[in-house]
Amino acid sequence: MMVIGAKGHLDVEDALERGRTKGFSLQILDAGCVCGKEHLEVALAHARRAFEEKRNVSESMEMEFLRYVSCRRQIRDAIAFAGAKDSGTYAFVFFSGTQEQAQRFVEELGLEIDGRVLEPAEEKIKRFVGERELSTVDKSFYVDLVFEKIAMVSLMK
């Protein structure tokens, strides 16, 4: 998995189609919902395990990954919560290709590459976890609460 942070304006559906045409398997997320690269790694591990254990809800790894990243069971809710918008900050997650190819693709879309948009921040974490839950742990463990929410996705019915 390769991750590239970027910002700017984007026709998301067109970008996804262009990526597929170039042979990429990818997902484009709202970086405002990304609490660091480890958040994405944990979500990917859960999505892969869901496929291996035949518990996947969606037909594609990209959509299953989105479900876990967003901590939402329903695909529609996952897209609304963490799917990329037409402008703002983006997390491009590539499941194929090379780092160089991925970076070139993002640049070709006219976006400004900015890895800082991927960094965890308290306001991002609060999109997943309420104040009450946050009050139960030290700030150094806030991201772990997001990981806990990811694990809960497969238990939701």
N, C-alpha and C. Protein backbone atom coordinates (compact mmCIF):
# COMPACT_ATOMS: atom_id res chain seq x y z
N MET A 1 0.85 -1.17 0.00
CA MET A 1 0.00 0.00 0.00
C MET A 1 0.89 1.24 0.00
N MET A 2 0.56 2.16 -0.88
CA MET A 2 1.25 3.44 -0.93
C MET A 2 0.22 4.53 -0.67
N VAL A 3 0.61 5.53 0.08
CA VAL A 3 -0.31 6.61 0.43
C VAL A 3 0.32 7.94 0.06
N ILE A 4 -0.48 8.77 -0.61
CA ILE A 4 -0.03 10.11 -0.97
C ILE A 4 -1.09 11.10 -0.53
N GLY A 5 -0.66 12.09 0.26
CA GLY A 5 -1.55 13.16 0.67
C GLY A 5 -1.49 14.28 -0.34
N ALA A 6 -2.65 14.92 -0.58
CA ALA A 6 -2.69 16.01 -1.55
C ALA A 6 -3.84 16.95 -1.20
N LYS A 7 -3.81 18.12 -1.83
CA LYS A 7 -4.91 19.07 -1.65
C LYS A 7 -5.18 19.80 -2.95
N GLY A 8 -6.43 20.28 -3.07
CA GLY A 8 -6.83 20.99 -4.27
C GLY A 8 -8.27 20.68 -4.63
N HIS A 9 -8.56 20.73 -5.93
CA HIS A 9 -9.90 20.44 -6.45
C HIS A 9 -9.82 19.23 -7.37
N LEU A 10 -10.86 18.39 -7.32
CA LEU A 10 -10.79 17.12 -8.02
C LEU A 10 -12.18 16.63 -8.39
N ASP A 11 -12.32 16.11 -9.60
CA ASP A 11 -13.51 15.36 -9.98
C ASP A 11 -13.20 13.92 -9.57
N VAL A 12 -13.74 13.50 -8.45
CA VAL A 12 -13.37 12.24 -7.83
C VAL A 12 -13.66 11.05 -8.74
N GLU A 13 -14.86 11.00 -9.29
CA GLU A 13 -15.22 9.87 -10.15
C GLU A 13 -14.31 9.79 -11.37
N ASP A 14 -14.00 10.94 -11.97
CA ASP A 14 -13.10 10.97 -13.12
C ASP A 14 -11.70 10.49 -12.71
N ALA A 15 -11.23 10.94 -11.55
CA ALA A 15 -9.90 10.53 -11.07
C ALA A 15 -9.84 9.03 -10.84
N LEU A 16 -10.88 8.46 -10.24
CA LEU A 16 -10.91 7.02 -10.01
C LEU A 16 -10.90 6.26 -11.34
N GLU A 17 -11.68 6.74 -12.29
CA GLU A 17 -11.74 6.10 -13.61
C GLU A 17 -10.39 6.19 -14.32
N ARG A 18 -9.77 7.37 -14.26
CA ARG A 18 -8.45 7.54 -14.88
C ARG A 18 -7.43 6.61 -14.22
N GLY A 19 -7.53 6.47 -12.91
CA GLY A 19 -6.62 5.57 -12.20
C GLY A 19 -6.79 4.13 -12.64
N ARG A 20 -8.04 3.70 -12.75
CA ARG A 20 -8.31 2.32 -13.19
C ARG A 20 -7.80 2.11 -14.62
N THR A 21 -8.00 3.11 -15.48
CA THR A 21 -7.54 3.03 -16.86
C THR A 21 -6.02 2.85 -16.91
N LYS A 22 -5.32 3.46 -15.96
CA LYS A 22 -3.86 3.33 -15.90
C LYS A 22 -3.43 2.05 -15.18
N GLY A 23 -4.41 1.25 -14.75
CA GLY A 23 -4.08 -0.03 -14.13
C GLY A 23 -3.92 0.01 -12.62
N PHE A 24 -4.28 1.11 -12.00
CA PHE A 24 -4.18 1.20 -10.54
C PHE A 24 -5.39 0.59 -9.86
N SER A 25 -5.14 -0.02 -8.74
CA SER A 25 -6.19 -0.34 -7.78
C SER A 25 -6.00 0.72 -6.70
N LEU A 26 -7.00 1.59 -6.50
CA LEU A 26 -6.83 2.69 -5.57
C LEU A 26 -8.13 3.12 -4.92
N GLN A 27 -7.99 3.87 -3.86
CA GLN A 27 -9.12 4.50 -3.18
C GLN A 27 -8.69 5.93 -2.89
N ILE A 28 -9.63 6.86 -3.02
CA ILE A 28 -9.35 8.26 -2.70
C ILE A 28 -10.25 8.63 -1.53
N LEU A 29 -9.62 9.08 -0.46
CA LEU A 29 -10.33 9.41 0.77
C LEU A 29 -10.27 10.89 1.07
N ASP A 30 -11.22 11.34 1.87
CA ASP A 30 -11.17 12.67 2.46
C ASP A 30 -10.09 12.60 3.54
N ALA A 31 -9.00 13.32 3.37
CA ALA A 31 -7.90 13.25 4.34
C ALA A 31 -8.32 13.77 5.71
N GLY A 32 -9.42 14.48 5.79
CA GLY A 32 -9.95 14.92 7.08
C GLY A 32 -10.44 13.77 7.94
N CYS A 33 -10.51 12.58 7.33
CA CYS A 33 -10.92 11.37 8.05
C CYS A 33 -9.76 10.40 8.23
N VAL A 34 -8.56 10.84 7.92
CA VAL A 34 -7.39 9.95 8.03
C VAL A 34 -6.55 10.38 9.23
N CYS A 35 -6.42 9.48 10.16
CA CYS A 35 -5.68 9.75 11.40
C CYS A 35 -4.30 9.11 11.36
N GLY A 36 -3.56 9.38 10.29
CA GLY A 36 -2.21 8.86 10.14
C GLY A 36 -2.17 7.61 9.27
N LYS A 37 -0.96 7.30 8.81
CA LYS A 37 -0.77 6.14 7.94
C LYS A 37 -1.12 4.84 8.67
N GLU A 38 -0.86 4.78 9.96
CA GLU A 38 -1.18 3.56 10.71
C GLU A 38 -2.68 3.29 10.69
N HIS A 39 -3.50 4.32 10.71
CA HIS A 39 -4.96 4.18 10.60
C HIS A 39 -5.28 3.41 9.32
N LEU A 40 -4.65 3.79 8.22
CA LEU A 40 -4.89 3.14 6.93
C LEU A 40 -4.37 1.71 6.93
N GLU A 41 -3.22 1.49 7.54
CA GLU A 41 -2.64 0.14 7.61
C GLU A 41 -3.53 -0.80 8.41
N VAL A 42 -4.06 -0.32 9.53
CA VAL A 42 -4.94 -1.15 10.36
C VAL A 42 -6.23 -1.47 9.59
N ALA A 43 -6.78 -0.47 8.93
CA ALA A 43 -8.01 -0.69 8.15
C ALA A 43 -7.77 -1.69 7.03
N LEU A 44 -6.63 -1.58 6.36
CA LEU A 44 -6.32 -2.52 5.28
C LEU A 44 -6.17 -3.94 5.81
N ALA A 45 -5.53 -4.10 6.94
CA ALA A 45 -5.38 -5.43 7.53
C ALA A 45 -6.74 -6.05 7.84
N HIS A 46 -7.66 -5.25 8.35
CA HIS A 46 -9.01 -5.76 8.66
C HIS A 46 -9.77 -6.10 7.37
N ALA A 47 -9.62 -5.26 6.35
CA ALA A 47 -10.31 -5.53 5.07
C ALA A 47 -9.78 -6.81 4.44
N ARG A 48 -8.47 -6.99 4.46
CA ARG A 48 -7.89 -8.22 3.90
C ARG A 48 -8.37 -9.44 4.66
N ARG A 49 -8.40 -9.33 5.98
CA ARG A 49 -8.86 -10.45 6.80
C ARG A 49 -10.32 -10.77 6.50
N ALA A 50 -11.13 -9.75 6.28
CA ALA A 50 -12.55 -9.98 5.95
C ALA A 50 -12.66 -10.79 4.66
N PHE A 51 -11.86 -10.47 3.66
CA PHE A 51 -11.89 -11.24 2.41
C PHE A 51 -11.38 -12.66 2.63
N GLU A 52 -10.29 -12.80 3.36
CA GLU A 52 -9.74 -14.14 3.61
C GLU A 52 -10.73 -15.03 4.34
N GLU A 53 -11.50 -14.45 5.26
CA GLU A 53 -12.45 -15.21 6.06
C GLU A 53 -13.86 -15.20 5.46
N LYS A 54 -13.97 -14.66 4.25
CA LYS A 54 -15.27 -14.60 3.54
C LYS A 54 -16.33 -13.84 4.34
N ARG A 55 -15.91 -12.79 5.04
CA ARG A 55 -16.83 -11.95 5.81
C ARG A 55 -17.02 -10.59 5.15
N ASN A 56 -16.42 -10.39 3.97
CA ASN A 56 -16.51 -9.10 3.31
C ASN A 56 -17.95 -8.76 2.94
N VAL A 57 -18.28 -7.49 3.04
CA VAL A 57 -19.60 -6.99 2.69
C VAL A 57 -19.60 -6.50 1.24
N SER A 58 -18.51 -5.88 0.83
CA SER A 58 -18.43 -5.35 -0.53
C SER A 58 -17.71 -6.35 -1.44
N GLU A 59 -17.84 -6.11 -2.73
CA GLU A 59 -17.22 -7.02 -3.70
C GLU A 59 -15.78 -6.66 -4.01
N SER A 60 -15.36 -5.44 -3.67
CA SER A 60 -13.99 -5.02 -4.00
C SER A 60 -13.21 -4.69 -2.73
N MET A 61 -11.92 -4.90 -2.81
CA MET A 61 -11.04 -4.56 -1.69
C MET A 61 -11.09 -3.06 -1.41
N GLU A 62 -11.17 -2.26 -2.46
CA GLU A 62 -11.19 -0.81 -2.28
C GLU A 62 -12.38 -0.36 -1.43
N MET A 63 -13.55 -0.93 -1.69
CA MET A 63 -14.74 -0.54 -0.92
C MET A 63 -14.73 -1.15 0.48
N GLU A 64 -14.22 -2.35 0.61
CA GLU A 64 -14.12 -2.97 1.93
C GLU A 64 -13.16 -2.15 2.80
N PHE A 65 -12.06 -1.74 2.19
CA PHE A 65 -11.09 -0.87 2.87
C PHE A 65 -11.76 0.42 3.33
N LEU A 66 -12.57 1.03 2.48
CA LEU A 66 -13.27 2.27 2.84
C LEU A 66 -14.20 2.05 4.04
N ARG A 67 -14.86 0.91 4.08
CA ARG A 67 -15.73 0.60 5.22
C ARG A 67 -14.93 0.62 6.52
N TYR A 68 -13.78 -0.02 6.51
CA TYR A 68 -12.98 -0.10 7.72
C TYR A 68 -12.32 1.24 8.06
N VAL A 69 -11.85 1.97 7.07
CA VAL A 69 -11.26 3.29 7.33
C VAL A 69 -12.29 4.20 8.00
N SER A 70 -13.51 4.15 7.52
CA SER A 70 -14.57 5.04 8.02
C SER A 70 -15.20 4.54 9.31
N CYS A 71 -14.94 3.29 9.65
CA CYS A 71 -15.57 2.67 10.82
C CYS A 71 -17.09 2.58 10.65
N ARG A 72 -17.52 2.36 9.41
CA ARG A 72 -18.94 2.27 9.09
C ARG A 72 -19.22 0.92 8.44
N ARG A 73 -20.32 0.31 8.81
CA ARG A 73 -20.69 -0.99 8.24
C ARG A 73 -21.28 -0.83 6.84
N GLN A 74 -22.16 0.15 6.69
CA GLN A 74 -22.84 0.35 5.41
C GLN A 74 -21.95 1.10 4.43
N ILE A 75 -21.87 0.61 3.21
CA ILE A 75 -21.04 1.23 2.18
C ILE A 75 -21.48 2.67 1.94
N ARG A 76 -22.76 2.89 1.84
CA ARG A 76 -23.29 4.24 1.60
C ARG A 76 -22.84 5.21 2.69
N ASP A 77 -22.87 4.76 3.95
CA ASP A 77 -22.43 5.60 5.06
C ASP A 77 -20.92 5.83 5.02
N ALA A 78 -20.18 4.81 4.62
CA ALA A 78 -18.72 4.92 4.53
C ALA A 78 -18.33 5.95 3.47
N ILE A 79 -19.02 5.92 2.33
CA ILE A 79 -18.73 6.89 1.27
C ILE A 79 -19.05 8.30 1.74
N ALA A 80 -20.19 8.47 2.37
CA ALA A 80 -20.58 9.80 2.84
C ALA A 80 -19.61 10.33 3.88
N PHE A 81 -19.11 9.46 4.73
CA PHE A 81 -18.23 9.88 5.82
C PHE A 81 -16.80 10.13 5.36
N ALA A 82 -16.20 9.19 4.66
CA ALA A 82 -14.76 9.27 4.36
C ALA A 82 -14.43 9.36 2.88
N GLY A 83 -15.43 9.29 2.03
CA GLY A 83 -15.16 9.41 0.60
C GLY A 83 -14.67 10.80 0.25
N ALA A 84 -13.83 10.89 -0.76
CA ALA A 84 -13.27 12.18 -1.18
C ALA A 84 -14.38 13.10 -1.69
N LYS A 85 -14.21 14.38 -1.43
CA LYS A 85 -15.13 15.40 -1.90
C LYS A 85 -14.48 16.10 -3.10
N ASP A 86 -15.21 17.02 -3.73
CA ASP A 86 -14.68 17.69 -4.92
C ASP A 86 -13.55 18.67 -4.65
N SER A 87 -13.42 19.13 -3.42
CA SER A 87 -12.28 19.99 -3.09
C SER A 87 -11.92 19.77 -1.64
N GLY A 88 -10.67 20.03 -1.33
CA GLY A 88 -10.21 19.85 0.04
C GLY A 88 -8.90 19.09 0.08
N THR A 89 -8.82 18.17 1.02
CA THR A 89 -7.60 17.38 1.19
C THR A 89 -7.91 15.92 0.90
N TYR A 90 -6.90 15.24 0.37
CA TYR A 90 -7.11 13.87 -0.10
C TYR A 90 -6.02 12.94 0.41
N ALA A 91 -6.43 11.70 0.61
CA ALA A 91 -5.49 10.61 0.85
C ALA A 91 -5.69 9.63 -0.30
N PHE A 92 -4.71 9.55 -1.16
CA PHE A 92 -4.73 8.59 -2.26
C PHE A 92 -4.07 7.32 -1.74
N VAL A 93 -4.82 6.23 -1.76
CA VAL A 93 -4.30 4.95 -1.28
C VAL A 93 -4.21 4.03 -2.49
N PHE A 94 -2.98 3.65 -2.84
CA PHE A 94 -2.73 2.80 -4.00
C PHE A 94 -2.43 1.38 -3.51
N PHE A 95 -3.14 0.43 -4.08
CA PHE A 95 -2.93 -0.98 -3.75
C PHE A 95 -2.08 -1.67 -4.82
N SER A 96 -1.73 -0.91 -5.86
CA SER A 96 -0.90 -1.45 -6.95
C SER A 96 -0.05 -0.32 -7.51
N GLY A 97 0.94 -0.70 -8.32
CA GLY A 97 1.83 0.27 -8.93
C GLY A 97 3.02 0.57 -8.04
N THR A 98 3.83 1.52 -8.51
CA THR A 98 5.01 1.93 -7.75
C THR A 98 4.78 3.30 -7.14
N GLN A 99 5.61 3.67 -6.18
CA GLN A 99 5.51 4.98 -5.56
C GLN A 99 5.67 6.08 -6.60
N GLU A 100 6.61 5.90 -7.51
CA GLU A 100 6.84 6.90 -8.55
C GLU A 100 5.63 7.05 -9.46
N GLN A 101 5.03 5.93 -9.87
CA GLN A 101 3.84 5.98 -10.73
C GLN A 101 2.68 6.65 -10.00
N ALA A 102 2.53 6.32 -8.73
CA ALA A 102 1.44 6.88 -7.93
C ALA A 102 1.60 8.40 -7.80
N GLN A 103 2.80 8.83 -7.48
CA GLN A 103 3.05 10.26 -7.32
C GLN A 103 2.82 11.01 -8.63
N ARG A 104 3.29 10.44 -9.72
CA ARG A 104 3.10 11.07 -11.03
C ARG A 104 1.60 11.19 -11.35
N PHE A 105 0.83 10.14 -11.03
CA PHE A 105 -0.62 10.16 -11.28
C PHE A 105 -1.28 11.30 -10.51
N VAL A 106 -0.96 11.43 -9.23
CA VAL A 106 -1.56 12.50 -8.42
C VAL A 106 -1.17 13.87 -8.97
N GLU A 107 0.07 14.03 -9.36
CA GLU A 107 0.52 15.30 -9.94
C GLU A 107 -0.21 15.60 -11.25
N GLU A 108 -0.46 14.57 -12.07
CA GLU A 108 -1.18 14.75 -13.33
C GLU A 108 -2.61 15.23 -13.11
N LEU A 109 -3.16 14.95 -11.94
CA LEU A 109 -4.51 15.40 -11.61
C LEU A 109 -4.54 16.88 -11.24
N GLY A 110 -3.36 17.51 -11.16
CA GLY A 110 -3.29 18.93 -10.86
C GLY A 110 -3.37 19.26 -9.39
N LEU A 111 -3.11 18.28 -8.54
CA LEU A 111 -3.17 18.51 -7.10
C LEU A 111 -1.80 18.84 -6.54
N GLU A 112 -1.80 19.50 -5.41
CA GLU A 112 -0.57 19.79 -4.68
C GLU A 112 -0.32 18.65 -3.70
N ILE A 113 0.79 17.97 -3.84
CA ILE A 113 1.11 16.89 -2.92
C ILE A 113 1.53 17.48 -1.58
N ASP A 114 0.91 16.98 -0.52
CA ASP A 114 1.17 17.49 0.82
C ASP A 114 0.91 16.38 1.83
N GLY A 115 1.98 15.74 2.28
CA GLY A 115 1.85 14.64 3.23
C GLY A 115 1.32 15.04 4.59
N ARG A 116 1.37 16.32 4.90
CA ARG A 116 0.87 16.78 6.22
C ARG A 116 -0.62 16.56 6.39
N VAL A 117 -1.37 16.46 5.28
CA VAL A 117 -2.82 16.28 5.39
C VAL A 117 -3.18 14.90 5.95
N LEU A 118 -2.20 14.01 6.00
CA LEU A 118 -2.43 12.65 6.50
C LEU A 118 -2.18 12.52 8.00
N GLU A 119 -1.57 13.52 8.60
CA GLU A 119 -1.18 13.43 10.00
C GLU A 119 -2.40 13.39 10.92
N PRO A 120 -2.30 12.61 12.00
CA PRO A 120 -3.42 12.57 12.95
C PRO A 120 -3.56 13.92 13.66
N ALA A 121 -4.78 14.26 13.98
CA ALA A 121 -5.06 15.49 14.72
C ALA A 121 -6.29 15.25 15.58
N GLU A 122 -6.35 15.92 16.69
CA GLU A 122 -7.46 15.70 17.62
C GLU A 122 -8.81 15.94 16.96
N GLU A 123 -8.92 16.98 16.11
CA GLU A 123 -10.21 17.25 15.47
C GLU A 123 -10.61 16.12 14.51
N LYS A 124 -9.64 15.45 13.89
CA LYS A 124 -9.95 14.30 13.05
C LYS A 124 -10.44 13.14 13.91
N ILE A 125 -9.75 12.89 14.98
CA ILE A 125 -10.10 11.78 15.87
C ILE A 125 -11.51 11.97 16.42
N LYS A 126 -11.89 13.21 16.69
CA LYS A 126 -13.23 13.49 17.22
C LYS A 126 -14.33 13.18 16.22
N ARG A 127 -13.99 13.01 14.96
CA ARG A 127 -15.00 12.58 13.98
C ARG A 127 -15.38 11.13 14.20
N PHE A 128 -14.50 10.38 14.86
CA PHE A 128 -14.72 8.95 15.10
C PHE A 128 -15.13 8.66 16.55
N VAL A 129 -14.60 9.45 17.47
CA VAL A 129 -14.69 9.14 18.90
C VAL A 129 -15.25 10.34 19.65
N GLY A 130 -16.21 10.08 20.53
CA GLY A 130 -16.83 11.15 21.30
C GLY A 130 -15.97 11.62 22.46
N GLU A 131 -16.33 12.79 22.98
CA GLU A 131 -15.60 13.39 24.11
C GLU A 131 -15.55 12.45 25.31
N ARG A 132 -16.63 11.76 25.55
CA ARG A 132 -16.69 10.86 26.71
C ARG A 132 -15.64 9.76 26.61
N GLU A 133 -15.52 9.16 25.41
CA GLU A 133 -14.51 8.12 25.21
C GLU A 133 -13.10 8.70 25.31
N LEU A 134 -12.91 9.88 24.74
CA LEU A 134 -11.59 10.50 24.79
C LEU A 134 -11.16 10.79 26.23
N SER A 135 -12.12 11.09 27.07
CA SER A 135 -11.79 11.43 28.46
C SER A 135 -11.31 10.22 29.25
N THR A 136 -11.45 9.03 28.68
CA THR A 136 -11.07 7.81 29.40
C THR A 136 -9.62 7.41 29.20
N VAL A 137 -8.93 8.08 28.24
CA VAL A 137 -7.54 7.72 27.96
C VAL A 137 -6.66 8.96 27.84
N ASP A 138 -5.37 8.74 27.98
CA ASP A 138 -4.39 9.79 27.77
C ASP A 138 -4.35 10.16 26.29
N LYS A 139 -4.04 11.40 25.97
CA LYS A 139 -4.00 11.86 24.57
C LYS A 139 -3.10 10.98 23.69
N SER A 140 -2.08 10.40 24.27
CA SER A 140 -1.17 9.57 23.48
C SER A 140 -1.86 8.29 22.96
N PHE A 141 -3.05 7.98 23.48
CA PHE A 141 -3.79 6.78 23.05
C PHE A 141 -5.03 7.11 22.22
N TYR A 142 -5.23 8.37 21.86
CA TYR A 142 -6.42 8.74 21.10
C TYR A 142 -6.56 7.95 19.80
N VAL A 143 -5.48 7.81 19.06
CA VAL A 143 -5.57 7.08 17.78
C VAL A 143 -5.94 5.62 18.02
N ASP A 144 -5.52 5.07 19.15
CA ASP A 144 -5.88 3.68 19.46
C ASP A 144 -7.39 3.50 19.57
N LEU A 145 -8.09 4.54 19.98
CA LEU A 145 -9.55 4.46 20.04
C LEU A 145 -10.15 4.34 18.64
N VAL A 146 -9.51 4.95 17.66
CA VAL A 146 -9.96 4.80 16.27
C VAL A 146 -9.72 3.36 15.82
N PHE A 147 -8.58 2.79 16.19
CA PHE A 147 -8.30 1.40 15.83
C PHE A 147 -9.35 0.47 16.44
N GLU A 148 -9.77 0.79 17.64
CA GLU A 148 -10.81 0.01 18.31
C GLU A 148 -12.11 0.08 17.52
N LYS A 149 -12.44 1.26 17.02
CA LYS A 149 -13.66 1.43 16.20
C LYS A 149 -13.55 0.62 14.90
N ILE A 150 -12.35 0.59 14.32
CA ILE A 150 -12.14 -0.21 13.11
C ILE A 150 -12.45 -1.68 13.39
N ALA A 151 -11.96 -2.18 14.49
CA ALA A 151 -12.18 -3.58 14.86
C ALA A 151 -13.66 -3.88 15.07
N MET A 152 -14.40 -2.88 15.49
CA MET A 152 -15.83 -3.07 15.75
C MET A 152 -16.67 -3.20 14.47
N VAL A 153 -16.14 -2.76 13.34
CA VAL A 153 -16.92 -2.78 12.09
C VAL A 153 -17.40 -4.19 11.78
N SER A 154 -16.55 -5.17 11.93
CA SER A 154 -16.95 -6.54 11.57
C SER A 154 -17.94 -7.13 12.58
N LEU A 155 -18.08 -6.50 13.74
CA LEU A 155 -19.03 -6.98 14.73
C LEU A 155 -20.40 -6.36 14.60
N MET A 156 -20.49 -5.24 13.84
CA MET A 156 -21.76 -4.54 13.67
C MET A 156 -22.68 -5.36 12.77
N LYS A 157 -23.92 -5.42 13.14
CA LYS A 157 -24.91 -6.14 12.32
C LYS A 157 -26.04 -5.22 11.93
